[in-house]
Amino acid sequence: MSALFPAELAWYATGRFYEANDGTLADYGYFLHLPLPDAEIFDGEPGETTAHFTFAAKPFKAQGMANGALSLGLDPVGEFSLYLQRKPRGTFDDPASFAEGECIATFRRTSLVVGTTLSDTIGGTTAALFGTNVFSARLIASASFDCGGRRHDLAEYLGVGITQFGTSAATQIEPTPMGYKRVLPFTGSAIALGGAG
């Protein structure tokens, strides 16, 4: 497979946002699809514990604001990395487990990210319904690796980076792992930015 065209689908991912007791946020999870010909994405039935390709963000602090029924989260520029776990061991009970294995790429978000959560009031009770966000991230480091009988390098497939569109649930996951006060599941789909210029 050659390099993706600009705006061609790059990946599907799913994971969870974790808000720690100290107020920092980070997201962790795994990939459902990557543009890696002949590479096995899962070791068995698809799921967190069988995913060969995972991701983890560096924790950051966000600011919040409101506009009517919309709650806005302002995430600063930050980084996240992709990992190859030849022996999958990721679990949402231990988010740090998604940052194990071989680091195959690191991305840096190009600007502030605005996440939007929609709420509605029904019968006098206000409840959050769902959240969305979109961001672009530049590929700042990549490492070639062997998988599926081929040599791969995400820089060759994605070019300079990606733009990702995300949707999150507003109902938090229970029970919350120790050290965290809120966990929300999400899914993301990304398109390739392609080559520079």
N, C-alpha and C. Protein backbone atom coordinates (compact mmCIF):
# COMPACT_ATOMS: atom_id res chain seq x y z
N MET A 1 0.84 -1.18 0.00
CA MET A 1 0.00 0.00 0.00
C MET A 1 0.88 1.24 0.00
N SER A 2 0.55 2.21 -0.83
CA SER A 2 1.32 3.44 -0.91
C SER A 2 0.75 4.48 0.04
N ALA A 3 1.33 5.67 -0.01
CA ALA A 3 0.87 6.75 0.85
C ALA A 3 -0.59 7.07 0.58
N LEU A 4 -1.30 7.44 1.63
CA LEU A 4 -2.69 7.83 1.48
C LEU A 4 -2.78 9.21 0.83
N PHE A 5 -3.85 9.43 0.08
CA PHE A 5 -4.10 10.75 -0.46
C PHE A 5 -4.56 11.67 0.67
N PRO A 6 -4.33 12.98 0.55
CA PRO A 6 -4.86 13.90 1.56
C PRO A 6 -6.37 13.72 1.73
N ALA A 7 -6.83 13.65 2.96
CA ALA A 7 -8.25 13.47 3.33
C ALA A 7 -8.74 12.05 3.12
N GLU A 8 -7.85 11.10 2.81
CA GLU A 8 -8.24 9.69 2.75
C GLU A 8 -8.24 9.12 4.18
N LEU A 9 -9.16 8.18 4.43
CA LEU A 9 -9.28 7.60 5.77
C LEU A 9 -7.96 7.01 6.24
N ALA A 10 -7.55 7.42 7.44
CA ALA A 10 -6.29 6.95 8.01
C ALA A 10 -6.51 5.90 9.08
N TRP A 11 -7.47 6.14 10.00
CA TRP A 11 -7.70 5.16 11.05
C TRP A 11 -9.07 5.32 11.69
N TYR A 12 -9.46 4.25 12.39
CA TYR A 12 -10.57 4.27 13.34
C TYR A 12 -9.99 3.88 14.69
N ALA A 13 -10.37 4.58 15.73
CA ALA A 13 -9.86 4.28 17.07
C ALA A 13 -11.00 4.36 18.07
N THR A 14 -10.83 3.69 19.18
CA THR A 14 -11.78 3.81 20.28
C THR A 14 -11.00 3.80 21.59
N GLY A 15 -11.52 4.50 22.57
CA GLY A 15 -10.81 4.59 23.82
C GLY A 15 -11.65 5.26 24.90
N ARG A 16 -10.97 5.77 25.89
CA ARG A 16 -11.66 6.44 27.00
C ARG A 16 -10.87 7.65 27.45
N PHE A 17 -11.61 8.71 27.78
CA PHE A 17 -11.03 9.88 28.41
C PHE A 17 -11.00 9.64 29.92
N TYR A 18 -9.86 9.91 30.52
CA TYR A 18 -9.70 9.73 31.96
C TYR A 18 -9.41 11.07 32.60
N GLU A 19 -10.22 11.45 33.60
CA GLU A 19 -9.94 12.64 34.39
C GLU A 19 -9.42 12.18 35.74
N ALA A 20 -8.17 12.53 36.02
CA ALA A 20 -7.54 12.10 37.27
C ALA A 20 -8.01 12.96 38.44
N ASN A 21 -7.75 12.48 39.63
CA ASN A 21 -8.15 13.21 40.83
C ASN A 21 -7.49 14.58 40.93
N ASP A 22 -6.34 14.77 40.28
CA ASP A 22 -5.67 16.08 40.31
C ASP A 22 -6.16 17.01 39.21
N GLY A 23 -7.19 16.57 38.44
CA GLY A 23 -7.77 17.42 37.41
C GLY A 23 -7.15 17.28 36.04
N THR A 24 -6.08 16.49 35.90
CA THR A 24 -5.49 16.30 34.58
C THR A 24 -6.33 15.31 33.77
N LEU A 25 -6.25 15.45 32.45
CA LEU A 25 -6.98 14.60 31.52
C LEU A 25 -6.01 13.88 30.61
N ALA A 26 -6.41 12.71 30.13
CA ALA A 26 -5.65 11.98 29.13
C ALA A 26 -6.58 10.96 28.50
N ASP A 27 -6.24 10.56 27.28
CA ASP A 27 -7.04 9.53 26.63
C ASP A 27 -6.16 8.36 26.23
N TYR A 28 -6.75 7.16 26.33
CA TYR A 28 -6.05 5.92 26.07
C TYR A 28 -6.99 4.99 25.31
N GLY A 29 -6.42 4.11 24.48
CA GLY A 29 -7.27 3.17 23.78
C GLY A 29 -6.53 2.41 22.70
N TYR A 30 -7.27 1.98 21.69
CA TYR A 30 -6.70 1.11 20.67
C TYR A 30 -7.33 1.40 19.31
N PHE A 31 -6.71 0.84 18.28
CA PHE A 31 -7.14 1.08 16.90
C PHE A 31 -7.97 -0.08 16.36
N LEU A 32 -9.03 0.29 15.65
CA LEU A 32 -9.87 -0.68 14.95
C LEU A 32 -9.40 -0.87 13.51
N HIS A 33 -8.73 0.15 12.99
CA HIS A 33 -8.20 0.10 11.62
C HIS A 33 -7.01 1.04 11.52
N LEU A 34 -5.98 0.60 10.82
CA LEU A 34 -4.83 1.41 10.46
C LEU A 34 -4.44 1.04 9.03
N PRO A 35 -3.80 1.94 8.29
CA PRO A 35 -3.44 1.64 6.89
C PRO A 35 -2.16 0.81 6.78
N LEU A 36 -2.18 -0.38 7.37
CA LEU A 36 -1.00 -1.24 7.41
C LEU A 36 -1.31 -2.55 6.68
N PRO A 37 -0.95 -2.66 5.43
CA PRO A 37 -1.26 -3.89 4.69
C PRO A 37 -0.64 -5.12 5.33
N ASP A 38 -1.44 -6.18 5.42
CA ASP A 38 -1.03 -7.49 5.93
C ASP A 38 -0.76 -7.52 7.43
N ALA A 39 -0.96 -6.42 8.13
CA ALA A 39 -0.74 -6.41 9.57
C ALA A 39 -2.01 -6.81 10.29
N GLU A 40 -1.89 -7.72 11.24
CA GLU A 40 -3.03 -8.12 12.06
C GLU A 40 -3.28 -7.05 13.12
N ILE A 41 -4.48 -6.51 13.14
CA ILE A 41 -4.81 -5.47 14.11
C ILE A 41 -5.13 -6.08 15.48
N PHE A 42 -5.71 -7.30 15.47
CA PHE A 42 -6.09 -7.95 16.72
C PHE A 42 -5.53 -9.37 16.78
N ASP A 43 -5.31 -9.84 17.98
CA ASP A 43 -4.91 -11.22 18.22
C ASP A 43 -6.14 -11.95 18.76
N GLY A 44 -7.08 -12.23 17.86
CA GLY A 44 -8.34 -12.86 18.27
C GLY A 44 -9.51 -11.94 18.05
N GLU A 45 -10.57 -12.12 18.85
CA GLU A 45 -11.76 -11.28 18.74
C GLU A 45 -11.40 -9.83 19.05
N PRO A 46 -11.89 -8.88 18.24
CA PRO A 46 -11.55 -7.46 18.48
C PRO A 46 -11.94 -6.99 19.87
N GLY A 47 -11.03 -6.29 20.50
CA GLY A 47 -11.28 -5.74 21.84
C GLY A 47 -10.00 -5.17 22.42
N GLU A 48 -10.13 -4.54 23.57
CA GLU A 48 -8.99 -3.88 24.20
C GLU A 48 -7.86 -4.85 24.52
N THR A 49 -8.20 -6.07 24.95
CA THR A 49 -7.17 -7.02 25.41
C THR A 49 -6.49 -7.76 24.27
N THR A 50 -7.00 -7.60 23.04
CA THR A 50 -6.39 -8.30 21.90
C THR A 50 -5.80 -7.33 20.88
N ALA A 51 -5.84 -6.02 21.16
CA ALA A 51 -5.38 -5.02 20.20
C ALA A 51 -3.86 -4.94 20.13
N HIS A 52 -3.32 -5.09 18.94
CA HIS A 52 -1.88 -4.95 18.75
C HIS A 52 -1.43 -3.50 18.70
N PHE A 53 -2.34 -2.58 18.30
CA PHE A 53 -1.97 -1.18 18.12
C PHE A 53 -2.79 -0.31 19.08
N THR A 54 -2.09 0.40 19.96
CA THR A 54 -2.73 1.17 21.01
C THR A 54 -2.22 2.61 20.98
N PHE A 55 -2.85 3.46 21.78
CA PHE A 55 -2.40 4.85 21.87
C PHE A 55 -2.55 5.35 23.30
N ALA A 56 -1.77 6.37 23.62
CA ALA A 56 -1.83 7.00 24.94
C ALA A 56 -1.40 8.45 24.80
N ALA A 57 -2.12 9.34 25.48
CA ALA A 57 -1.81 10.77 25.45
C ALA A 57 -1.01 11.17 26.68
N LYS A 58 -0.23 12.24 26.54
CA LYS A 58 0.39 12.84 27.71
C LYS A 58 -0.69 13.61 28.46
N PRO A 59 -0.79 13.45 29.78
CA PRO A 59 -1.82 14.16 30.54
C PRO A 59 -1.72 15.68 30.36
N PHE A 60 -2.88 16.34 30.39
CA PHE A 60 -2.94 17.79 30.22
C PHE A 60 -4.08 18.34 31.08
N LYS A 61 -4.11 19.65 31.24
CA LYS A 61 -5.20 20.30 31.97
C LYS A 61 -6.01 21.13 30.99
N ALA A 62 -7.34 20.99 31.06
CA ALA A 62 -8.23 21.71 30.15
C ALA A 62 -8.96 22.81 30.91
N GLN A 63 -9.43 23.79 30.15
CA GLN A 63 -10.29 24.82 30.70
C GLN A 63 -11.71 24.57 30.22
N GLY A 64 -12.70 25.04 30.98
CA GLY A 64 -14.08 24.84 30.60
C GLY A 64 -14.84 26.14 30.51
N MET A 65 -15.88 26.14 29.69
CA MET A 65 -16.79 27.27 29.59
C MET A 65 -18.13 26.75 29.09
N ALA A 66 -19.15 27.58 29.15
CA ALA A 66 -20.49 27.15 28.73
C ALA A 66 -21.11 28.15 27.78
N ASN A 67 -21.98 27.64 26.92
CA ASN A 67 -22.78 28.45 26.02
C ASN A 67 -24.15 27.80 25.92
N GLY A 68 -25.05 28.19 26.82
CA GLY A 68 -26.37 27.57 26.85
C GLY A 68 -26.26 26.10 27.19
N ALA A 69 -26.83 25.24 26.34
CA ALA A 69 -26.83 23.80 26.57
C ALA A 69 -25.51 23.15 26.17
N LEU A 70 -24.55 23.95 25.70
CA LEU A 70 -23.26 23.41 25.28
C LEU A 70 -22.20 23.67 26.35
N SER A 71 -21.51 22.62 26.75
CA SER A 71 -20.36 22.75 27.63
C SER A 71 -19.10 22.56 26.79
N LEU A 72 -18.19 23.51 26.86
CA LEU A 72 -17.01 23.49 26.02
C LEU A 72 -15.77 23.19 26.85
N GLY A 73 -14.98 22.25 26.39
CA GLY A 73 -13.70 21.94 27.01
C GLY A 73 -12.60 22.42 26.10
N LEU A 74 -11.68 23.25 26.62
CA LEU A 74 -10.59 23.80 25.82
C LEU A 74 -9.31 23.08 26.19
N ASP A 75 -8.89 22.16 25.29
CA ASP A 75 -7.70 21.35 25.54
C ASP A 75 -6.49 22.02 24.91
N PRO A 76 -5.38 22.16 25.64
CA PRO A 76 -4.18 22.79 25.08
C PRO A 76 -3.49 21.87 24.08
N VAL A 77 -2.53 22.44 23.36
CA VAL A 77 -1.69 21.64 22.47
C VAL A 77 -1.01 20.56 23.30
N GLY A 78 -0.96 19.35 22.78
CA GLY A 78 -0.34 18.25 23.52
C GLY A 78 0.04 17.13 22.59
N GLU A 79 0.55 16.06 23.16
CA GLU A 79 1.07 14.94 22.36
C GLU A 79 0.41 13.62 22.73
N PHE A 80 0.38 12.72 21.75
CA PHE A 80 -0.02 11.35 22.00
C PHE A 80 0.83 10.43 21.14
N SER A 81 1.00 9.20 21.60
CA SER A 81 1.86 8.25 20.91
C SER A 81 1.11 6.97 20.58
N LEU A 82 1.57 6.30 19.53
CA LEU A 82 1.03 5.01 19.10
C LEU A 82 2.02 3.92 19.45
N TYR A 83 1.49 2.75 19.84
CA TYR A 83 2.34 1.64 20.27
C TYR A 83 1.95 0.36 19.55
N LEU A 84 2.95 -0.45 19.27
CA LEU A 84 2.75 -1.80 18.77
C LEU A 84 2.97 -2.75 19.94
N GLN A 85 1.92 -3.49 20.30
CA GLN A 85 2.02 -4.49 21.35
C GLN A 85 1.99 -5.87 20.68
N ARG A 86 3.14 -6.44 20.53
CA ARG A 86 3.21 -7.75 19.87
C ARG A 86 2.47 -8.81 20.68
N LYS A 87 2.46 -8.64 21.98
CA LYS A 87 1.64 -9.47 22.87
C LYS A 87 0.67 -8.53 23.56
N PRO A 88 -0.55 -8.38 23.03
CA PRO A 88 -1.49 -7.40 23.56
C PRO A 88 -1.72 -7.55 25.06
N ARG A 89 -1.77 -6.39 25.74
CA ARG A 89 -2.00 -6.42 27.18
C ARG A 89 -2.75 -5.17 27.65
N GLY A 90 -3.41 -4.48 26.75
CA GLY A 90 -4.15 -3.29 27.13
C GLY A 90 -5.43 -3.64 27.89
N THR A 91 -5.75 -2.83 28.88
CA THR A 91 -7.00 -2.98 29.61
C THR A 91 -7.43 -1.61 30.11
N PHE A 92 -8.71 -1.31 30.00
CA PHE A 92 -9.22 -0.02 30.47
C PHE A 92 -9.18 0.09 31.99
N ASP A 93 -9.01 -1.01 32.68
CA ASP A 93 -8.85 -0.95 34.14
C ASP A 93 -7.51 -0.36 34.54
N ASP A 94 -6.55 -0.38 33.61
CA ASP A 94 -5.21 0.17 33.84
C ASP A 94 -4.81 0.94 32.59
N PRO A 95 -5.21 2.22 32.48
CA PRO A 95 -4.97 2.96 31.25
C PRO A 95 -3.50 3.03 30.83
N ALA A 96 -2.58 2.98 31.78
CA ALA A 96 -1.16 3.02 31.43
C ALA A 96 -0.75 1.81 30.59
N SER A 97 -1.55 0.74 30.62
CA SER A 97 -1.22 -0.46 29.85
C SER A 97 -1.26 -0.21 28.35
N PHE A 98 -1.94 0.85 27.91
CA PHE A 98 -2.00 1.16 26.49
C PHE A 98 -0.73 1.86 26.01
N ALA A 99 0.14 2.25 26.94
CA ALA A 99 1.40 2.90 26.59
C ALA A 99 2.57 1.93 26.72
N GLU A 100 2.30 0.64 26.55
CA GLU A 100 3.36 -0.36 26.60
C GLU A 100 3.65 -0.88 25.20
N GLY A 101 4.78 -1.52 25.05
CA GLY A 101 5.17 -2.05 23.74
C GLY A 101 6.13 -1.11 23.04
N GLU A 102 6.19 -1.23 21.71
CA GLU A 102 7.11 -0.41 20.89
C GLU A 102 6.41 0.88 20.48
N CYS A 103 7.00 2.02 20.80
CA CYS A 103 6.46 3.30 20.36
C CYS A 103 6.77 3.46 18.87
N ILE A 104 5.73 3.50 18.03
CA ILE A 104 5.94 3.55 16.58
C ILE A 104 5.67 4.93 15.99
N ALA A 105 5.06 5.83 16.75
CA ALA A 105 4.81 7.18 16.25
C ALA A 105 4.37 8.09 17.39
N THR A 106 4.69 9.36 17.25
CA THR A 106 4.23 10.38 18.19
C THR A 106 3.68 11.56 17.39
N PHE A 107 2.51 12.04 17.81
CA PHE A 107 1.84 13.17 17.17
C PHE A 107 1.71 14.32 18.15
N ARG A 108 1.71 15.53 17.63
CA ARG A 108 1.48 16.73 18.45
C ARG A 108 0.32 17.51 17.84
N ARG A 109 -0.69 17.77 18.68
CA ARG A 109 -1.83 18.55 18.20
C ARG A 109 -1.37 19.93 17.78
N THR A 110 -1.94 20.45 16.69
CA THR A 110 -1.44 21.69 16.10
C THR A 110 -2.01 22.94 16.75
N SER A 111 -3.09 22.79 17.52
CA SER A 111 -3.70 23.96 18.13
C SER A 111 -4.58 23.53 19.29
N LEU A 112 -5.19 24.51 19.92
CA LEU A 112 -6.21 24.26 20.93
C LEU A 112 -7.29 23.36 20.37
N VAL A 113 -7.81 22.43 21.18
CA VAL A 113 -8.90 21.56 20.78
C VAL A 113 -10.15 21.95 21.57
N VAL A 114 -11.25 22.20 20.86
CA VAL A 114 -12.50 22.53 21.52
C VAL A 114 -13.40 21.30 21.49
N GLY A 115 -13.66 20.74 22.65
CA GLY A 115 -14.60 19.63 22.77
C GLY A 115 -15.94 20.18 23.22
N THR A 116 -17.03 19.68 22.62
CA THR A 116 -18.36 20.20 22.90
C THR A 116 -19.25 19.08 23.42
N THR A 117 -19.88 19.31 24.57
CA THR A 117 -20.83 18.36 25.14
C THR A 117 -22.22 18.99 25.14
N LEU A 118 -23.19 18.27 24.59
CA LEU A 118 -24.57 18.74 24.51
C LEU A 118 -25.37 18.19 25.68
N SER A 119 -26.12 19.09 26.34
CA SER A 119 -26.99 18.69 27.45
C SER A 119 -28.43 19.04 27.13
N ASP A 120 -29.37 18.38 27.79
CA ASP A 120 -30.79 18.67 27.62
C ASP A 120 -31.48 18.51 28.96
N THR A 121 -32.54 19.29 29.17
CA THR A 121 -33.31 19.20 30.40
C THR A 121 -34.64 18.53 30.12
N ILE A 122 -34.86 17.41 30.78
CA ILE A 122 -36.10 16.64 30.61
C ILE A 122 -36.70 16.41 31.99
N GLY A 123 -37.93 16.86 32.17
CA GLY A 123 -38.59 16.68 33.46
C GLY A 123 -37.87 17.35 34.61
N GLY A 124 -37.25 18.49 34.32
CA GLY A 124 -36.55 19.23 35.36
C GLY A 124 -35.15 18.75 35.67
N THR A 125 -34.70 17.69 35.00
CA THR A 125 -33.36 17.14 35.22
C THR A 125 -32.50 17.39 33.99
N THR A 126 -31.34 17.99 34.20
CA THR A 126 -30.41 18.25 33.10
C THR A 126 -29.42 17.10 33.00
N ALA A 127 -29.29 16.57 31.79
CA ALA A 127 -28.37 15.45 31.56
C ALA A 127 -27.55 15.71 30.31
N ALA A 128 -26.27 15.36 30.38
CA ALA A 128 -25.40 15.44 29.21
C ALA A 128 -25.74 14.29 28.27
N LEU A 129 -25.77 14.59 26.96
CA LEU A 129 -26.17 13.59 25.97
C LEU A 129 -24.97 12.97 25.26
N PHE A 130 -24.13 13.79 24.66
CA PHE A 130 -22.95 13.28 23.98
C PHE A 130 -21.98 14.44 23.76
N GLY A 131 -20.75 14.10 23.38
CA GLY A 131 -19.74 15.11 23.11
C GLY A 131 -19.07 14.88 21.77
N THR A 132 -18.50 15.95 21.21
CA THR A 132 -17.78 15.86 19.94
C THR A 132 -16.50 16.70 20.03
N ASN A 133 -15.55 16.37 19.18
CA ASN A 133 -14.37 17.22 19.01
C ASN A 133 -13.73 16.92 17.66
N VAL A 134 -12.86 17.82 17.24
CA VAL A 134 -12.08 17.62 16.02
C VAL A 134 -10.74 18.31 16.24
N PHE A 135 -9.67 17.66 15.80
CA PHE A 135 -8.34 18.27 15.94
C PHE A 135 -7.43 17.75 14.83
N SER A 136 -6.40 18.53 14.55
CA SER A 136 -5.33 18.09 13.66
C SER A 136 -4.08 17.87 14.49
N ALA A 137 -3.26 16.91 14.06
CA ALA A 137 -2.02 16.61 14.77
C ALA A 137 -0.93 16.29 13.75
N ARG A 138 0.23 16.87 13.98
CA ARG A 138 1.38 16.62 13.11
C ARG A 138 2.18 15.44 13.64
N LEU A 139 2.66 14.63 12.73
CA LEU A 139 3.54 13.51 13.08
C LEU A 139 4.92 14.09 13.38
N ILE A 140 5.37 13.98 14.63
CA ILE A 140 6.67 14.56 14.98
C ILE A 140 7.77 13.50 15.11
N ALA A 141 7.38 12.22 15.18
CA ALA A 141 8.38 11.15 15.24
C ALA A 141 7.73 9.85 14.80
N SER A 142 8.47 9.03 14.08
CA SER A 142 7.98 7.71 13.72
C SER A 142 9.16 6.75 13.66
N ALA A 143 8.86 5.49 13.87
CA ALA A 143 9.88 4.44 13.84
C ALA A 143 9.38 3.31 12.96
N SER A 144 10.20 2.84 12.07
CA SER A 144 9.80 1.72 11.23
C SER A 144 9.76 0.44 12.05
N PHE A 145 8.90 -0.49 11.64
CA PHE A 145 8.73 -1.74 12.38
C PHE A 145 8.30 -2.83 11.42
N ASP A 146 8.57 -4.07 11.78
CA ASP A 146 8.18 -5.24 11.00
C ASP A 146 6.90 -5.81 11.56
N CYS A 147 5.94 -6.08 10.68
CA CYS A 147 4.67 -6.66 11.09
C CYS A 147 3.98 -7.23 9.86
N GLY A 148 3.44 -8.44 9.98
CA GLY A 148 2.75 -9.06 8.86
C GLY A 148 3.65 -9.36 7.68
N GLY A 149 4.93 -9.57 7.95
CA GLY A 149 5.87 -9.89 6.89
C GLY A 149 6.31 -8.70 6.07
N ARG A 150 6.02 -7.49 6.55
CA ARG A 150 6.41 -6.27 5.85
C ARG A 150 7.06 -5.29 6.80
N ARG A 151 7.80 -4.36 6.20
CA ARG A 151 8.36 -3.24 6.95
C ARG A 151 7.39 -2.07 6.80
N HIS A 152 7.05 -1.45 7.93
CA HIS A 152 6.08 -0.35 7.91
C HIS A 152 6.67 0.89 8.58
N ASP A 153 6.17 2.03 8.17
CA ASP A 153 6.48 3.30 8.82
C ASP A 153 5.27 4.20 8.60
N LEU A 154 4.61 4.63 9.68
CA LEU A 154 3.40 5.43 9.52
C LEU A 154 3.65 6.72 8.78
N ALA A 155 4.87 7.25 8.82
CA ALA A 155 5.18 8.47 8.07
C ALA A 155 4.98 8.27 6.58
N GLU A 156 5.24 7.06 6.10
CA GLU A 156 5.09 6.78 4.67
C GLU A 156 3.63 6.72 4.26
N TYR A 157 2.74 6.33 5.17
CA TYR A 157 1.33 6.21 4.85
C TYR A 157 0.54 7.50 5.08
N LEU A 158 0.86 8.20 6.19
CA LEU A 158 0.04 9.34 6.61
C LEU A 158 0.59 10.69 6.16
N GLY A 159 1.85 10.74 5.77
CA GLY A 159 2.44 12.04 5.45
C GLY A 159 2.72 12.81 6.73
N VAL A 160 2.32 14.08 6.77
CA VAL A 160 2.71 14.94 7.89
C VAL A 160 1.80 14.80 9.11
N GLY A 161 0.67 14.09 8.98
CA GLY A 161 -0.18 13.93 10.15
C GLY A 161 -1.61 13.58 9.82
N ILE A 162 -2.52 13.91 10.74
CA ILE A 162 -3.94 13.53 10.60
C ILE A 162 -4.86 14.64 11.11
N THR A 163 -6.13 14.55 10.72
CA THR A 163 -7.21 15.29 11.36
C THR A 163 -8.21 14.26 11.84
N GLN A 164 -8.55 14.33 13.13
CA GLN A 164 -9.45 13.34 13.73
C GLN A 164 -10.76 13.98 14.18
N PHE A 165 -11.85 13.26 13.95
CA PHE A 165 -13.18 13.65 14.38
C PHE A 165 -13.63 12.65 15.45
N GLY A 166 -14.04 13.14 16.62
CA GLY A 166 -14.38 12.25 17.71
C GLY A 166 -15.78 12.46 18.24
N THR A 167 -16.33 11.37 18.78
CA THR A 167 -17.63 11.41 19.46
C THR A 167 -17.50 10.65 20.76
N SER A 168 -17.99 11.26 21.84
CA SER A 168 -17.90 10.60 23.14
C SER A 168 -19.27 10.47 23.77
N ALA A 169 -19.41 9.46 24.60
CA ALA A 169 -20.61 9.32 25.41
C ALA A 169 -20.51 10.30 26.56
N ALA A 170 -21.66 10.71 27.08
CA ALA A 170 -21.68 11.62 28.22
C ALA A 170 -21.89 10.88 29.54
N THR A 171 -22.27 9.61 29.45
CA THR A 171 -22.47 8.79 30.65
C THR A 171 -21.14 8.15 31.03
N GLN A 172 -20.67 8.40 32.23
CA GLN A 172 -19.36 7.91 32.60
C GLN A 172 -19.36 6.42 32.93
N ILE A 173 -18.18 5.84 32.77
CA ILE A 173 -17.95 4.42 33.04
C ILE A 173 -17.85 4.20 34.55
N GLU A 174 -18.53 3.18 35.02
CA GLU A 174 -18.42 2.77 36.42
C GLU A 174 -18.04 1.29 36.48
N PRO A 175 -17.26 0.87 37.46
CA PRO A 175 -16.61 1.70 38.46
C PRO A 175 -15.41 2.43 37.88
N THR A 176 -15.07 3.56 38.46
CA THR A 176 -13.94 4.36 38.00
C THR A 176 -12.64 3.79 38.59
N PRO A 177 -11.61 3.57 37.76
CA PRO A 177 -10.34 3.04 38.29
C PRO A 177 -9.77 3.96 39.36
N MET A 178 -9.01 3.39 40.27
CA MET A 178 -8.40 4.15 41.36
C MET A 178 -7.52 5.25 40.77
N GLY A 179 -7.63 6.44 41.35
CA GLY A 179 -6.84 7.57 40.90
C GLY A 179 -7.57 8.47 39.93
N TYR A 180 -8.76 8.05 39.51
CA TYR A 180 -9.54 8.82 38.54
C TYR A 180 -10.93 9.12 39.10
N LYS A 181 -11.48 10.28 38.69
CA LYS A 181 -12.82 10.65 39.14
C LYS A 181 -13.86 10.61 38.03
N ARG A 182 -13.41 10.50 36.77
CA ARG A 182 -14.38 10.41 35.67
C ARG A 182 -13.74 9.73 34.48
N VAL A 183 -14.50 8.84 33.83
CA VAL A 183 -14.03 8.12 32.64
C VAL A 183 -15.16 8.11 31.63
N LEU A 184 -14.87 8.56 30.39
CA LEU A 184 -15.88 8.60 29.34
C LEU A 184 -15.38 7.86 28.10
N PRO A 185 -16.19 6.99 27.50
CA PRO A 185 -15.78 6.28 26.29
C PRO A 185 -15.95 7.16 25.05
N PHE A 186 -15.11 6.92 24.04
CA PHE A 186 -15.21 7.69 22.80
C PHE A 186 -14.76 6.85 21.62
N THR A 187 -15.07 7.35 20.44
CA THR A 187 -14.57 6.77 19.20
C THR A 187 -14.08 7.90 18.32
N GLY A 188 -13.08 7.61 17.49
CA GLY A 188 -12.52 8.64 16.61
C GLY A 188 -12.20 8.08 15.24
N SER A 189 -12.39 8.91 14.24
CA SER A 189 -11.97 8.55 12.88
C SER A 189 -11.08 9.66 12.34
N ALA A 190 -9.99 9.28 11.70
CA ALA A 190 -9.01 10.27 11.25
C ALA A 190 -8.77 10.16 9.76
N ILE A 191 -8.46 11.31 9.16
CA ILE A 191 -8.05 11.35 7.76
C ILE A 191 -6.61 11.82 7.69
N ALA A 192 -5.91 11.39 6.65
CA ALA A 192 -4.51 11.73 6.49
C ALA A 192 -4.37 13.16 5.99
N LEU A 193 -3.33 13.85 6.46
CA LEU A 193 -3.02 15.18 5.94
C LEU A 193 -2.22 15.09 4.64
N GLY A 194 -1.56 13.96 4.43
CA GLY A 194 -0.76 13.80 3.22
C GLY A 194 0.58 14.50 3.33
N GLY A 195 1.24 14.66 2.19
CA GLY A 195 2.57 15.26 2.19
C GLY A 195 2.53 16.76 2.41
N ALA A 196 3.63 17.30 2.88
CA ALA A 196 3.73 18.75 3.08
C ALA A 196 3.84 19.44 1.73
N GLY A 197 3.11 20.52 1.58
CA GLY A 197 3.16 21.29 0.32
C GLY A 197 2.44 20.56 -0.75
